[in-house]
Amino acid sequence: MKGLLLFVERLCKLAVWFCGGAVLFMAFYICVDVLARKIFTVSIRGSDELSGYVLAIMSGWGFAYAFLRKNHIRIDVLYLRLSLKLRSILDIASLLVLAFFVFPLTFYSFEVFKTSWARNSLSNTPLQTPLWIPQSLWFLGLFFFSIIISLYFLLTLYNFLRGKVLEAYKLAGSTSIEEEVRSSDGG
């Protein structure tokens, strides 16, 4: 099981590095476009369109990465004062709520991609980007996030039902302030 979790984490890191590279490329592209407009009164075009695609693609993969790193915002005023068993129950419930939101989003992102593919839709811009390209990458990020949520839900529930409450908590539980400080120090 640890091998599967390690594989998922490595794949997610690779995708996040790719997205980070895309953001850097877009920053450079936008700078060149702005300078070309200012100096030569010529626009390269497409910087706004392409940066929008990068943002959408990056969001799905970023959600997955933030989940794996436990960086999503959680309100845990009372959470850390509860018993480990109650925390695990809340963690399982929070995974269900997250799935309730992300699964339909993933489904409809696939529907958008499928429709664009079937109709061979192009963007209504000078670039005329085939919309299935950015939409497929956006869908894949959300799909990957859905897989991670499912995997963590099943593993957390499995550990909880087997009485391994600490293991369930380690998988899906919120980090304490001490753990956050330790991870930010690199230790």
N, C-alpha and C. Protein backbone atom coordinates (compact mmCIF):
# COMPACT_ATOMS: atom_id res chain seq x y z
N MET A 1 0.82 -1.20 0.00
CA MET A 1 0.00 0.00 0.00
C MET A 1 0.86 1.26 0.00
N LYS A 2 1.97 1.20 0.76
CA LYS A 2 2.86 2.36 0.81
C LYS A 2 3.47 2.64 -0.56
N GLY A 3 3.69 1.58 -1.32
CA GLY A 3 4.23 1.75 -2.67
C GLY A 3 3.27 2.51 -3.57
N LEU A 4 1.98 2.22 -3.44
CA LEU A 4 0.97 2.92 -4.22
C LEU A 4 0.91 4.39 -3.83
N LEU A 5 0.93 4.66 -2.53
CA LEU A 5 0.91 6.05 -2.07
C LEU A 5 2.15 6.81 -2.53
N LEU A 6 3.30 6.14 -2.50
CA LEU A 6 4.54 6.77 -2.97
C LEU A 6 4.47 7.07 -4.46
N PHE A 7 3.93 6.13 -5.24
CA PHE A 7 3.78 6.34 -6.68
C PHE A 7 2.87 7.53 -6.96
N VAL A 8 1.74 7.60 -6.26
CA VAL A 8 0.79 8.70 -6.44
C VAL A 8 1.46 10.04 -6.11
N GLU A 9 2.21 10.05 -5.02
CA GLU A 9 2.89 11.29 -4.62
C GLU A 9 3.94 11.71 -5.65
N ARG A 10 4.69 10.76 -6.17
CA ARG A 10 5.71 11.09 -7.17
C ARG A 10 5.08 11.60 -8.47
N LEU A 11 4.00 10.96 -8.90
CA LEU A 11 3.30 11.40 -10.09
C LEU A 11 2.77 12.82 -9.90
N CYS A 12 2.24 13.07 -8.73
CA CYS A 12 1.70 14.39 -8.43
C CYS A 12 2.81 15.44 -8.42
N LYS A 13 3.96 15.11 -7.84
CA LYS A 13 5.09 16.05 -7.82
C LYS A 13 5.55 16.36 -9.24
N LEU A 14 5.61 15.34 -10.07
CA LEU A 14 6.00 15.55 -11.47
C LEU A 14 5.03 16.49 -12.17
N ALA A 15 3.75 16.28 -11.97
CA ALA A 15 2.74 17.15 -12.58
C ALA A 15 2.84 18.57 -12.06
N VAL A 16 3.11 18.72 -10.77
CA VAL A 16 3.23 20.06 -10.19
C VAL A 16 4.47 20.77 -10.74
N TRP A 17 5.56 20.04 -10.92
CA TRP A 17 6.75 20.65 -11.53
C TRP A 17 6.45 21.10 -12.96
N PHE A 18 5.72 20.27 -13.69
CA PHE A 18 5.32 20.65 -15.05
C PHE A 18 4.46 21.91 -15.02
N CYS A 19 3.50 21.96 -14.10
CA CYS A 19 2.63 23.14 -13.98
C CYS A 19 3.43 24.36 -13.58
N GLY A 20 4.38 24.18 -12.68
CA GLY A 20 5.25 25.30 -12.29
C GLY A 20 6.05 25.82 -13.47
N GLY A 21 6.55 24.90 -14.30
CA GLY A 21 7.26 25.31 -15.51
C GLY A 21 6.35 26.06 -16.47
N ALA A 22 5.10 25.61 -16.56
CA ALA A 22 4.14 26.30 -17.43
C ALA A 22 3.85 27.70 -16.92
N VAL A 23 3.78 27.87 -15.60
CA VAL A 23 3.55 29.20 -15.03
C VAL A 23 4.74 30.11 -15.32
N LEU A 24 5.95 29.59 -15.16
CA LEU A 24 7.14 30.40 -15.47
C LEU A 24 7.18 30.77 -16.95
N PHE A 25 6.84 29.81 -17.81
CA PHE A 25 6.79 30.10 -19.23
C PHE A 25 5.77 31.20 -19.52
N MET A 26 4.60 31.10 -18.90
CA MET A 26 3.55 32.11 -19.14
C MET A 26 3.97 33.47 -18.62
N ALA A 27 4.68 33.51 -17.49
CA ALA A 27 5.17 34.80 -16.97
C ALA A 27 6.14 35.42 -17.98
N PHE A 28 7.03 34.61 -18.53
CA PHE A 28 7.97 35.09 -19.54
C PHE A 28 7.22 35.55 -20.79
N TYR A 29 6.27 34.76 -21.23
CA TYR A 29 5.48 35.06 -22.43
C TYR A 29 4.72 36.38 -22.27
N ILE A 30 4.13 36.57 -21.10
CA ILE A 30 3.38 37.80 -20.83
C ILE A 30 4.33 38.99 -20.81
N CYS A 31 5.49 38.84 -20.19
CA CYS A 31 6.48 39.94 -20.17
C CYS A 31 6.92 40.31 -21.58
N VAL A 32 7.20 39.31 -22.39
CA VAL A 32 7.61 39.57 -23.78
C VAL A 32 6.47 40.26 -24.53
N ASP A 33 5.25 39.82 -24.31
CA ASP A 33 4.09 40.43 -24.96
C ASP A 33 3.93 41.89 -24.54
N VAL A 34 4.06 42.16 -23.25
CA VAL A 34 3.93 43.54 -22.75
C VAL A 34 5.04 44.42 -23.32
N LEU A 35 6.27 43.92 -23.31
CA LEU A 35 7.39 44.70 -23.85
C LEU A 35 7.23 44.92 -25.35
N ALA A 36 6.79 43.91 -26.07
CA ALA A 36 6.59 44.06 -27.52
C ALA A 36 5.52 45.11 -27.81
N ARG A 37 4.47 45.13 -27.00
CA ARG A 37 3.43 46.15 -27.19
C ARG A 37 3.95 47.54 -26.87
N LYS A 38 4.74 47.65 -25.82
CA LYS A 38 5.24 48.95 -25.39
C LYS A 38 6.30 49.49 -26.34
N ILE A 39 7.24 48.65 -26.72
CA ILE A 39 8.37 49.10 -27.53
C ILE A 39 8.05 49.13 -29.02
N PHE A 40 7.43 48.06 -29.52
CA PHE A 40 7.21 47.94 -30.97
C PHE A 40 5.76 48.13 -31.38
N THR A 41 4.88 48.38 -30.44
CA THR A 41 3.43 48.48 -30.67
C THR A 41 2.88 47.28 -31.46
N VAL A 42 3.40 46.11 -31.13
CA VAL A 42 2.95 44.86 -31.74
C VAL A 42 2.65 43.87 -30.61
N SER A 43 1.56 43.15 -30.75
CA SER A 43 1.21 42.16 -29.74
C SER A 43 1.50 40.76 -30.25
N ILE A 44 2.06 39.95 -29.38
CA ILE A 44 2.30 38.55 -29.73
C ILE A 44 0.98 37.80 -29.76
N ARG A 45 0.04 38.22 -28.95
CA ARG A 45 -1.31 37.67 -28.83
C ARG A 45 -1.34 36.33 -28.11
N GLY A 46 -2.43 36.14 -27.47
CA GLY A 46 -2.69 34.85 -26.85
C GLY A 46 -2.22 34.70 -25.41
N SER A 47 -1.54 35.70 -24.88
CA SER A 47 -1.02 35.53 -23.52
C SER A 47 -2.16 35.39 -22.51
N ASP A 48 -3.22 36.14 -22.69
CA ASP A 48 -4.35 36.04 -21.76
C ASP A 48 -5.07 34.70 -21.90
N GLU A 49 -5.23 34.25 -23.12
CA GLU A 49 -5.91 32.97 -23.36
C GLU A 49 -5.09 31.80 -22.81
N LEU A 50 -3.82 31.76 -23.16
CA LEU A 50 -2.97 30.65 -22.73
C LEU A 50 -2.77 30.64 -21.21
N SER A 51 -2.65 31.82 -20.61
CA SER A 51 -2.49 31.86 -19.15
C SER A 51 -3.76 31.37 -18.45
N GLY A 52 -4.91 31.61 -19.04
CA GLY A 52 -6.16 31.08 -18.49
C GLY A 52 -6.19 29.57 -18.53
N TYR A 53 -5.72 29.00 -19.64
CA TYR A 53 -5.65 27.54 -19.74
C TYR A 53 -4.69 26.97 -18.70
N VAL A 54 -3.53 27.62 -18.56
CA VAL A 54 -2.54 27.15 -17.59
C VAL A 54 -3.12 27.20 -16.17
N LEU A 55 -3.84 28.27 -15.86
CA LEU A 55 -4.45 28.38 -14.53
C LEU A 55 -5.44 27.25 -14.28
N ALA A 56 -6.28 26.95 -15.26
CA ALA A 56 -7.27 25.87 -15.10
C ALA A 56 -6.58 24.52 -14.94
N ILE A 57 -5.60 24.25 -15.77
CA ILE A 57 -4.88 22.97 -15.71
C ILE A 57 -4.16 22.84 -14.38
N MET A 58 -3.51 23.91 -13.99
CA MET A 58 -2.74 23.92 -12.75
C MET A 58 -3.64 23.71 -11.53
N SER A 59 -4.87 24.17 -11.60
CA SER A 59 -5.76 24.07 -10.44
C SER A 59 -6.04 22.61 -10.08
N GLY A 60 -6.39 21.79 -11.05
CA GLY A 60 -6.69 20.38 -10.76
C GLY A 60 -5.50 19.65 -10.17
N TRP A 61 -4.35 19.81 -10.78
CA TRP A 61 -3.15 19.16 -10.28
C TRP A 61 -2.71 19.77 -8.95
N GLY A 62 -2.90 21.07 -8.81
CA GLY A 62 -2.55 21.74 -7.56
C GLY A 62 -3.42 21.30 -6.40
N PHE A 63 -4.71 21.07 -6.67
CA PHE A 63 -5.61 20.57 -5.62
C PHE A 63 -5.09 19.23 -5.08
N ALA A 64 -4.68 18.37 -6.00
CA ALA A 64 -4.18 17.05 -5.60
C ALA A 64 -2.90 17.18 -4.77
N TYR A 65 -2.01 18.03 -5.21
CA TYR A 65 -0.74 18.22 -4.49
C TYR A 65 -0.98 18.81 -3.11
N ALA A 66 -1.84 19.81 -3.04
CA ALA A 66 -2.16 20.43 -1.74
C ALA A 66 -2.79 19.41 -0.80
N PHE A 67 -3.61 18.53 -1.35
CA PHE A 67 -4.23 17.48 -0.52
C PHE A 67 -3.16 16.55 0.04
N LEU A 68 -2.25 16.10 -0.81
CA LEU A 68 -1.21 15.18 -0.36
C LEU A 68 -0.30 15.81 0.68
N ARG A 69 -0.07 17.10 0.57
CA ARG A 69 0.79 17.82 1.52
C ARG A 69 0.02 18.33 2.74
N LYS A 70 -1.29 18.06 2.76
CA LYS A 70 -2.18 18.53 3.83
C LYS A 70 -2.16 20.05 3.95
N ASN A 71 -2.18 20.71 2.80
CA ASN A 71 -2.14 22.17 2.77
C ASN A 71 -3.50 22.82 2.60
N HIS A 72 -4.54 22.02 2.45
CA HIS A 72 -5.87 22.63 2.35
C HIS A 72 -6.24 23.24 3.70
N ILE A 73 -6.95 24.31 3.64
CA ILE A 73 -7.34 25.00 4.87
C ILE A 73 -8.36 24.17 5.63
N ARG A 74 -8.10 23.97 6.89
CA ARG A 74 -9.02 23.24 7.76
C ARG A 74 -9.20 24.05 9.03
N ILE A 75 -10.42 24.11 9.47
CA ILE A 75 -10.72 24.82 10.71
C ILE A 75 -10.70 23.78 11.82
N ASP A 76 -9.66 23.82 12.62
CA ASP A 76 -9.48 22.75 13.61
C ASP A 76 -9.37 23.28 15.04
N VAL A 77 -10.20 24.27 15.36
CA VAL A 77 -10.19 24.83 16.71
C VAL A 77 -10.47 23.74 17.74
N LEU A 78 -11.49 22.94 17.49
CA LEU A 78 -11.85 21.86 18.41
C LEU A 78 -11.22 20.53 18.01
N TYR A 79 -10.93 20.38 16.75
CA TYR A 79 -10.47 19.11 16.18
C TYR A 79 -9.30 18.52 16.96
N LEU A 80 -8.28 19.33 17.21
CA LEU A 80 -7.08 18.82 17.86
C LEU A 80 -7.30 18.50 19.34
N ARG A 81 -8.43 18.92 19.89
CA ARG A 81 -8.74 18.63 21.30
C ARG A 81 -9.57 17.35 21.44
N LEU A 82 -10.01 16.81 20.32
CA LEU A 82 -10.84 15.60 20.36
C LEU A 82 -9.96 14.36 20.46
N SER A 83 -10.59 13.24 20.78
CA SER A 83 -9.86 11.97 20.81
C SER A 83 -9.49 11.58 19.38
N LEU A 84 -8.51 10.71 19.29
CA LEU A 84 -8.06 10.25 17.97
C LEU A 84 -9.19 9.58 17.19
N LYS A 85 -10.04 8.85 17.89
CA LYS A 85 -11.16 8.17 17.24
C LYS A 85 -12.14 9.17 16.65
N LEU A 86 -12.49 10.20 17.41
CA LEU A 86 -13.41 11.22 16.90
C LEU A 86 -12.79 12.01 15.75
N ARG A 87 -11.50 12.28 15.86
CA ARG A 87 -10.81 12.97 14.75
C ARG A 87 -10.88 12.14 13.48
N SER A 88 -10.66 10.85 13.61
CA SER A 88 -10.70 9.97 12.43
C SER A 88 -12.09 9.93 11.82
N ILE A 89 -13.12 9.95 12.65
CA ILE A 89 -14.49 9.99 12.14
C ILE A 89 -14.72 11.29 11.36
N LEU A 90 -14.24 12.40 11.92
CA LEU A 90 -14.37 13.68 11.21
C LEU A 90 -13.55 13.70 9.92
N ASP A 91 -12.38 13.06 9.94
CA ASP A 91 -11.56 12.98 8.73
C ASP A 91 -12.27 12.20 7.63
N ILE A 92 -12.88 11.10 8.00
CA ILE A 92 -13.64 10.30 7.03
C ILE A 92 -14.80 11.11 6.48
N ALA A 93 -15.50 11.82 7.36
CA ALA A 93 -16.61 12.67 6.93
C ALA A 93 -16.12 13.79 6.01
N SER A 94 -14.97 14.37 6.33
CA SER A 94 -14.46 15.46 5.48
C SER A 94 -14.05 14.94 4.10
N LEU A 95 -13.53 13.72 4.05
CA LEU A 95 -13.20 13.13 2.74
C LEU A 95 -14.46 12.89 1.92
N LEU A 96 -15.53 12.48 2.59
CA LEU A 96 -16.81 12.29 1.89
C LEU A 96 -17.35 13.62 1.35
N VAL A 97 -17.27 14.66 2.15
CA VAL A 97 -17.74 15.98 1.71
C VAL A 97 -16.89 16.47 0.54
N LEU A 98 -15.58 16.28 0.63
CA LEU A 98 -14.70 16.69 -0.46
C LEU A 98 -15.04 15.92 -1.74
N ALA A 99 -15.27 14.62 -1.60
CA ALA A 99 -15.65 13.80 -2.76
C ALA A 99 -16.99 14.26 -3.33
N PHE A 100 -17.91 14.64 -2.47
CA PHE A 100 -19.22 15.12 -2.90
C PHE A 100 -19.09 16.36 -3.79
N PHE A 101 -18.08 17.16 -3.56
CA PHE A 101 -17.83 18.34 -4.39
C PHE A 101 -16.99 18.02 -5.62
N VAL A 102 -15.92 17.27 -5.44
CA VAL A 102 -14.94 17.06 -6.51
C VAL A 102 -15.43 16.06 -7.57
N PHE A 103 -16.13 15.02 -7.18
CA PHE A 103 -16.57 14.02 -8.16
C PHE A 103 -17.49 14.61 -9.22
N PRO A 104 -18.52 15.38 -8.86
CA PRO A 104 -19.34 16.01 -9.92
C PRO A 104 -18.53 16.99 -10.77
N LEU A 105 -17.63 17.72 -10.14
CA LEU A 105 -16.79 18.65 -10.89
C LEU A 105 -15.96 17.89 -11.93
N THR A 106 -15.41 16.76 -11.52
CA THR A 106 -14.63 15.92 -12.43
C THR A 106 -15.51 15.37 -13.55
N PHE A 107 -16.69 14.91 -13.20
CA PHE A 107 -17.62 14.38 -14.20
C PHE A 107 -17.95 15.44 -15.25
N TYR A 108 -18.29 16.62 -14.80
CA TYR A 108 -18.68 17.67 -15.74
C TYR A 108 -17.49 18.22 -16.52
N SER A 109 -16.30 18.17 -15.94
CA SER A 109 -15.12 18.57 -16.72
C SER A 109 -14.89 17.58 -17.85
N PHE A 110 -15.18 16.29 -17.60
CA PHE A 110 -15.08 15.30 -18.66
C PHE A 110 -16.13 15.56 -19.74
N GLU A 111 -17.35 15.90 -19.32
CA GLU A 111 -18.41 16.20 -20.28
C GLU A 111 -18.03 17.39 -21.17
N VAL A 112 -17.43 18.40 -20.58
CA VAL A 112 -16.99 19.57 -21.35
C VAL A 112 -15.93 19.14 -22.36
N PHE A 113 -14.95 18.36 -21.90
CA PHE A 113 -13.90 17.86 -22.79
C PHE A 113 -14.50 17.02 -23.92
N LYS A 114 -15.39 16.09 -23.56
CA LYS A 114 -16.00 15.19 -24.54
C LYS A 114 -16.77 15.96 -25.61
N THR A 115 -17.51 16.98 -25.18
CA THR A 115 -18.28 17.80 -26.12
C THR A 115 -17.35 18.56 -27.06
N SER A 116 -16.29 19.14 -26.51
CA SER A 116 -15.34 19.87 -27.35
C SER A 116 -14.65 18.95 -28.34
N TRP A 117 -14.34 17.74 -27.90
CA TRP A 117 -13.70 16.76 -28.78
C TRP A 117 -14.66 16.36 -29.91
N ALA A 118 -15.90 16.06 -29.56
CA ALA A 118 -16.89 15.61 -30.54
C ALA A 118 -17.21 16.70 -31.57
N ARG A 119 -17.27 17.92 -31.12
CA ARG A 119 -17.61 19.04 -32.01
C ARG A 119 -16.39 19.69 -32.64
N ASN A 120 -15.22 19.22 -32.25
CA ASN A 120 -13.97 19.82 -32.72
C ASN A 120 -13.97 21.33 -32.47
N SER A 121 -14.37 21.70 -31.26
CA SER A 121 -14.52 23.11 -30.89
C SER A 121 -13.18 23.83 -30.83
N LEU A 122 -13.20 25.06 -31.31
CA LEU A 122 -12.03 25.93 -31.26
C LEU A 122 -12.38 27.15 -30.41
N SER A 123 -11.35 27.73 -29.79
CA SER A 123 -11.61 28.94 -29.01
C SER A 123 -12.00 30.07 -29.96
N ASN A 124 -12.80 30.97 -29.45
CA ASN A 124 -13.28 32.11 -30.24
C ASN A 124 -12.29 33.27 -30.11
N THR A 125 -11.04 32.99 -30.45
CA THR A 125 -9.95 33.96 -30.34
C THR A 125 -9.07 33.85 -31.58
N PRO A 126 -8.15 34.78 -31.76
CA PRO A 126 -7.24 34.67 -32.91
C PRO A 126 -6.41 33.39 -32.92
N LEU A 127 -6.12 32.82 -31.74
CA LEU A 127 -5.34 31.57 -31.70
C LEU A 127 -6.13 30.37 -32.18
N GLN A 128 -7.44 30.40 -32.02
CA GLN A 128 -8.32 29.28 -32.36
C GLN A 128 -7.78 27.95 -31.82
N THR A 129 -7.52 27.95 -30.54
CA THR A 129 -7.00 26.77 -29.86
C THR A 129 -8.05 25.65 -29.86
N PRO A 130 -7.67 24.43 -30.26
CA PRO A 130 -8.60 23.31 -30.11
C PRO A 130 -8.87 23.12 -28.61
N LEU A 131 -10.10 23.33 -28.20
CA LEU A 131 -10.42 23.37 -26.77
C LEU A 131 -10.23 22.04 -26.06
N TRP A 132 -10.24 20.95 -26.80
CA TRP A 132 -10.08 19.66 -26.15
C TRP A 132 -8.69 19.52 -25.52
N ILE A 133 -7.71 20.25 -26.02
CA ILE A 133 -6.35 20.12 -25.47
C ILE A 133 -6.27 20.63 -24.03
N PRO A 134 -6.58 21.91 -23.77
CA PRO A 134 -6.52 22.34 -22.36
C PRO A 134 -7.58 21.66 -21.49
N GLN A 135 -8.73 21.37 -22.08
CA GLN A 135 -9.80 20.74 -21.28
C GLN A 135 -9.44 19.32 -20.88
N SER A 136 -8.70 18.61 -21.72
CA SER A 136 -8.29 17.25 -21.36
C SER A 136 -7.28 17.28 -20.21
N LEU A 137 -6.36 18.23 -20.24
CA LEU A 137 -5.37 18.34 -19.17
C LEU A 137 -6.03 18.80 -17.86
N TRP A 138 -7.02 19.67 -17.99
CA TRP A 138 -7.79 20.11 -16.82
C TRP A 138 -8.54 18.92 -16.22
N PHE A 139 -9.22 18.16 -17.08
CA PHE A 139 -9.94 16.97 -16.62
C PHE A 139 -9.00 15.97 -15.96
N LEU A 140 -7.84 15.71 -16.57
CA LEU A 140 -6.90 14.74 -16.00
C LEU A 140 -6.45 15.13 -14.60
N GLY A 141 -6.22 16.42 -14.38
CA GLY A 141 -5.85 16.88 -13.04
C GLY A 141 -6.95 16.63 -12.04
N LEU A 142 -8.18 16.96 -12.42
CA LEU A 142 -9.32 16.73 -11.52
C LEU A 142 -9.57 15.23 -11.31
N PHE A 143 -9.38 14.44 -12.37
CA PHE A 143 -9.55 12.99 -12.26
C PHE A 143 -8.51 12.41 -11.31
N PHE A 144 -7.29 12.87 -11.43
CA PHE A 144 -6.22 12.42 -10.54
C PHE A 144 -6.55 12.79 -9.09
N PHE A 145 -7.07 14.00 -8.89
CA PHE A 145 -7.48 14.44 -7.56
C PHE A 145 -8.59 13.53 -7.03
N SER A 146 -9.53 13.16 -7.88
CA SER A 146 -10.62 12.26 -7.47
C SER A 146 -10.09 10.89 -7.07
N ILE A 147 -9.11 10.40 -7.81
CA ILE A 147 -8.50 9.11 -7.48
C ILE A 147 -7.83 9.18 -6.11
N ILE A 148 -7.11 10.27 -5.87
CA ILE A 148 -6.43 10.43 -4.59
C ILE A 148 -7.43 10.49 -3.44
N ILE A 149 -8.51 11.24 -3.63
CA ILE A 149 -9.54 11.32 -2.59
C ILE A 149 -10.11 9.92 -2.31
N SER A 150 -10.41 9.18 -3.38
CA SER A 150 -10.96 7.82 -3.22
C SER A 150 -9.98 6.92 -2.49
N LEU A 151 -8.73 6.97 -2.90
CA LEU A 151 -7.70 6.14 -2.30
C LEU A 151 -7.55 6.45 -0.81
N TYR A 152 -7.46 7.72 -0.49
CA TYR A 152 -7.30 8.10 0.92
C TYR A 152 -8.55 7.79 1.74
N PHE A 153 -9.71 7.96 1.14
CA PHE A 153 -10.94 7.61 1.85
C PHE A 153 -10.96 6.12 2.18
N LEU A 154 -10.68 5.29 1.18
CA LEU A 154 -10.72 3.84 1.38
C LEU A 154 -9.67 3.38 2.39
N LEU A 155 -8.46 3.92 2.29
CA LEU A 155 -7.40 3.53 3.22
C LEU A 155 -7.69 4.01 4.64
N THR A 156 -8.21 5.22 4.75
CA THR A 156 -8.54 5.75 6.08
C THR A 156 -9.67 4.94 6.71
N LEU A 157 -10.70 4.67 5.93
CA LEU A 157 -11.83 3.87 6.43
C LEU A 157 -11.37 2.46 6.80
N TYR A 158 -10.55 1.85 5.95
CA TYR A 158 -10.03 0.51 6.21
C TYR A 158 -9.26 0.47 7.53
N ASN A 159 -8.35 1.42 7.71
CA ASN A 159 -7.57 1.46 8.95
C ASN A 159 -8.46 1.71 10.16
N PHE A 160 -9.43 2.60 10.00
CA PHE A 160 -10.33 2.91 11.12
C PHE A 160 -11.14 1.68 11.52
N LEU A 161 -11.69 0.98 10.54
CA LEU A 161 -12.52 -0.20 10.83
C LEU A 161 -11.71 -1.35 11.42
N ARG A 162 -10.44 -1.40 11.11
CA ARG A 162 -9.56 -2.44 11.67
C ARG A 162 -9.00 -2.05 13.03
N GLY A 163 -9.41 -0.88 13.52
CA GLY A 163 -8.94 -0.43 14.83
C GLY A 163 -7.60 0.27 14.81
N LYS A 164 -7.07 0.52 13.63
CA LYS A 164 -5.79 1.23 13.49
C LYS A 164 -6.07 2.73 13.35
N VAL A 165 -6.56 3.30 14.44
CA VAL A 165 -7.01 4.69 14.43
C VAL A 165 -5.84 5.64 14.18
N LEU A 166 -4.68 5.34 14.75
CA LEU A 166 -3.51 6.19 14.54
C LEU A 166 -3.11 6.22 13.07
N GLU A 167 -3.15 5.06 12.40
CA GLU A 167 -2.83 5.01 10.97
C GLU A 167 -3.85 5.81 10.16
N ALA A 168 -5.11 5.69 10.52
CA ALA A 168 -6.16 6.46 9.84
C ALA A 168 -5.91 7.95 10.02
N TYR A 169 -5.55 8.34 11.22
CA TYR A 169 -5.27 9.75 11.51
C TYR A 169 -4.06 10.25 10.73
N LYS A 170 -3.02 9.43 10.65
CA LYS A 170 -1.81 9.83 9.91
C LYS A 170 -2.12 10.06 8.44
N LEU A 171 -3.03 9.27 7.89
CA LEU A 171 -3.38 9.42 6.48
C LEU A 171 -4.18 10.68 6.20
N ALA A 172 -5.25 10.88 6.95
CA ALA A 172 -6.20 11.94 6.60
C ALA A 172 -6.31 13.05 7.62
N GLY A 173 -5.64 12.92 8.74
CA GLY A 173 -5.79 13.89 9.80
C GLY A 173 -5.10 15.21 9.53
N SER A 174 -5.57 16.21 10.23
CA SER A 174 -4.98 17.54 10.15
C SER A 174 -3.65 17.53 10.89
N THR A 175 -2.74 18.37 10.46
CA THR A 175 -1.45 18.45 11.14
C THR A 175 -1.55 19.39 12.33
N SER A 176 -0.80 19.09 13.35
CA SER A 176 -0.75 19.97 14.51
C SER A 176 0.20 21.13 14.20
N ILE A 177 0.19 22.12 15.04
CA ILE A 177 1.08 23.26 14.85
C ILE A 177 2.53 22.81 14.89
N GLU A 178 2.85 21.90 15.81
CA GLU A 178 4.22 21.40 15.93
C GLU A 178 4.65 20.68 14.65
N GLU A 179 3.75 19.88 14.07
CA GLU A 179 4.07 19.16 12.83
C GLU A 179 4.28 20.13 11.67
N GLU A 180 3.47 21.19 11.62
CA GLU A 180 3.63 22.18 10.56
C GLU A 180 4.96 22.91 10.69
N VAL A 181 5.34 23.26 11.91
CA VAL A 181 6.62 23.94 12.13
C VAL A 181 7.76 23.02 11.75
N ARG A 182 7.66 21.74 12.15
CA ARG A 182 8.70 20.77 11.82
C ARG A 182 8.85 20.61 10.31
N SER A 183 7.73 20.54 9.59
CA SER A 183 7.80 20.35 8.13
C SER A 183 8.30 21.60 7.43
N SER A 184 8.02 22.78 7.98
CA SER A 184 8.51 24.01 7.34
C SER A 184 10.00 24.21 7.60
N ASP A 185 10.52 23.60 8.67
CA ASP A 185 11.95 23.68 8.96
C ASP A 185 12.74 22.66 8.15
N GLY A 186 12.03 21.76 7.50
CA GLY A 186 12.70 20.71 6.74
C GLY A 186 13.02 19.50 7.60
N GLY A 187 12.56 19.48 8.82
CA GLY A 187 12.85 18.38 9.73
C GLY A 187 11.71 17.57 9.97
